[in-house]
Amino acid sequence: MARRLAPPAYAKIGRETPVVTWPMKARYDLSKARRGAVVPAAPTKTRITIRLDKGILAWFRNQVNAAGGGDYQSLINEALRVYIGQGTEVPLEETLRRVIREEMQRIG
């Protein structure tokens, strides 16, 4: 006989929409659990950590939201692809000098 779940409890957090919560079990069997991403990344993708300005990230997220949803990371990837394809690479020395000047101004 199938075990029936108890109906969800509704928790109200501040003035937000009520959140559905299910009763917790006393113990969970995690013996077959695996660590890592739930959805494996495509073999052509590499996971990295990158720091972007808040404004840049907000712009890409807003573009995705305005288009009705999607993945802002793919949009950033496409923008980089287009930039590289245009052949408008700035010489590395020029980029390094600019970054050093900006950092020197920042720390005074």
Protein backbone atom coordinates (compact mmCIF):
# COMPACT_ATOMS: atom_id res chain seq x y z
CA MET A 1 0.00 0.00 0.00
CA ALA A 2 1.40 3.40 -0.98
CA ARG A 3 2.11 5.80 1.83
CA ARG A 4 0.23 9.08 1.59
CA LEU A 5 2.01 12.34 2.15
CA ALA A 6 0.64 14.74 4.66
CA PRO A 7 -0.77 17.92 3.13
CA PRO A 8 1.76 20.76 2.92
CA ALA A 9 1.98 23.31 5.67
CA TYR A 10 1.98 26.98 4.69
CA ALA A 11 4.54 29.22 6.34
CA LYS A 12 4.16 32.96 5.98
CA ILE A 13 7.48 34.78 5.88
CA GLY A 14 7.04 38.49 6.49
CA ARG A 15 4.80 39.97 3.81
CA GLU A 16 5.99 37.59 1.12
CA THR A 17 3.89 34.97 -0.60
CA PRO A 18 3.30 31.92 1.62
CA VAL A 19 5.92 29.21 1.21
CA VAL A 20 4.84 25.58 0.91
CA THR A 21 6.68 23.36 3.37
CA TRP A 22 6.46 19.58 3.59
CA PRO A 23 6.84 17.72 6.88
CA MET A 24 10.42 16.60 7.52
CA LYS A 25 11.25 12.94 8.05
CA ALA A 26 13.15 12.02 11.19
CA ARG A 27 15.92 10.43 9.06
CA TYR A 28 16.84 10.40 5.38
CA ASP A 29 18.81 7.65 3.64
CA LEU A 30 21.70 9.37 1.87
CA SER A 31 23.77 6.22 1.36
CA LYS A 32 23.26 6.38 -2.42
CA ALA A 33 23.59 10.16 -2.70
CA ARG A 34 26.26 11.65 -4.92
CA ARG A 35 28.02 14.98 -4.68
CA GLY A 36 28.22 17.37 -7.58
CA ALA A 37 26.02 19.10 -10.08
CA VAL A 38 22.52 17.77 -10.55
CA VAL A 39 22.70 18.45 -14.27
CA PRO A 40 26.16 17.73 -15.70
CA ALA A 41 27.72 20.50 -17.79
CA ALA A 42 28.14 20.06 -21.52
CA PRO A 43 31.55 18.63 -22.45
CA THR A 44 32.37 21.85 -24.32
CA LYS A 45 31.88 23.98 -21.17
CA THR A 46 34.33 24.61 -18.33
CA ARG A 47 33.30 25.77 -14.86
CA ILE A 48 35.22 28.83 -13.69
CA THR A 49 34.89 31.50 -11.04
CA ILE A 50 34.90 35.03 -12.40
CA ARG A 51 34.30 38.38 -10.76
CA LEU A 52 32.15 40.81 -12.72
CA ASP A 53 30.93 44.28 -11.87
CA LYS A 54 27.41 44.26 -10.44
CA GLY A 55 26.23 46.54 -13.24
CA ILE A 56 27.55 44.22 -15.96
CA LEU A 57 25.88 41.20 -14.43
CA ALA A 58 22.62 43.11 -13.91
CA TRP A 59 22.62 44.21 -17.56
CA PHE A 60 22.98 40.63 -18.83
CA ARG A 61 20.33 39.36 -16.42
CA ASN A 62 17.95 42.14 -17.49
CA GLN A 63 18.52 41.27 -21.16
CA VAL A 64 17.58 37.66 -20.48
CA ASN A 65 14.51 38.65 -18.45
CA ALA A 66 13.36 41.08 -21.18
CA ALA A 67 13.65 38.28 -23.73
CA GLY A 68 11.35 36.10 -21.65
CA GLY A 69 13.92 34.00 -19.79
CA GLY A 70 16.97 31.97 -20.52
CA ASP A 71 20.52 31.74 -19.29
CA TYR A 72 22.50 34.94 -18.71
CA GLN A 73 25.75 32.95 -18.66
CA SER A 74 25.13 31.80 -22.23
CA LEU A 75 24.47 35.42 -23.19
CA ILE A 76 27.80 36.48 -21.68
CA ASN A 77 29.47 33.60 -23.55
CA GLU A 78 27.89 34.75 -26.82
CA ALA A 79 28.96 38.36 -26.25
CA LEU A 80 32.54 37.21 -25.73
CA ARG A 81 32.36 35.06 -28.87
CA VAL A 82 31.17 38.03 -30.93
CA TYR A 83 33.89 40.25 -29.49
CA ILE A 84 36.60 37.71 -30.30
CA GLY A 85 35.18 37.16 -33.79
CA GLN A 86 35.39 40.88 -34.60
CA GLY A 87 39.15 40.82 -34.22
CA THR A 88 39.04 43.88 -31.97
CA GLU A 89 41.49 42.46 -29.48
CA VAL A 90 43.24 45.05 -27.37
CA PRO A 91 46.93 44.23 -26.94
CA LEU A 92 47.63 42.55 -23.58
CA GLU A 93 50.15 45.22 -22.59
CA GLU A 94 47.57 47.99 -23.07
CA THR A 95 45.00 46.09 -21.02
CA LEU A 96 47.47 45.46 -18.20
CA ARG A 97 48.51 49.10 -18.11
CA ARG A 98 44.86 50.22 -17.94
CA VAL A 99 44.06 47.79 -15.13
CA ILE A 100 47.14 48.83 -13.14
CA ARG A 101 46.25 52.53 -13.55
CA GLU A 102 42.69 51.87 -12.37
CA GLU A 103 43.89 49.91 -9.35
CA MET A 104 46.47 52.57 -8.45
CA GLN A 105 43.75 55.25 -8.54
CA ARG A 106 41.45 53.10 -6.44
CA ILE A 107 43.96 52.59 -3.62
CA GLY A 108 45.14 56.18 -3.80
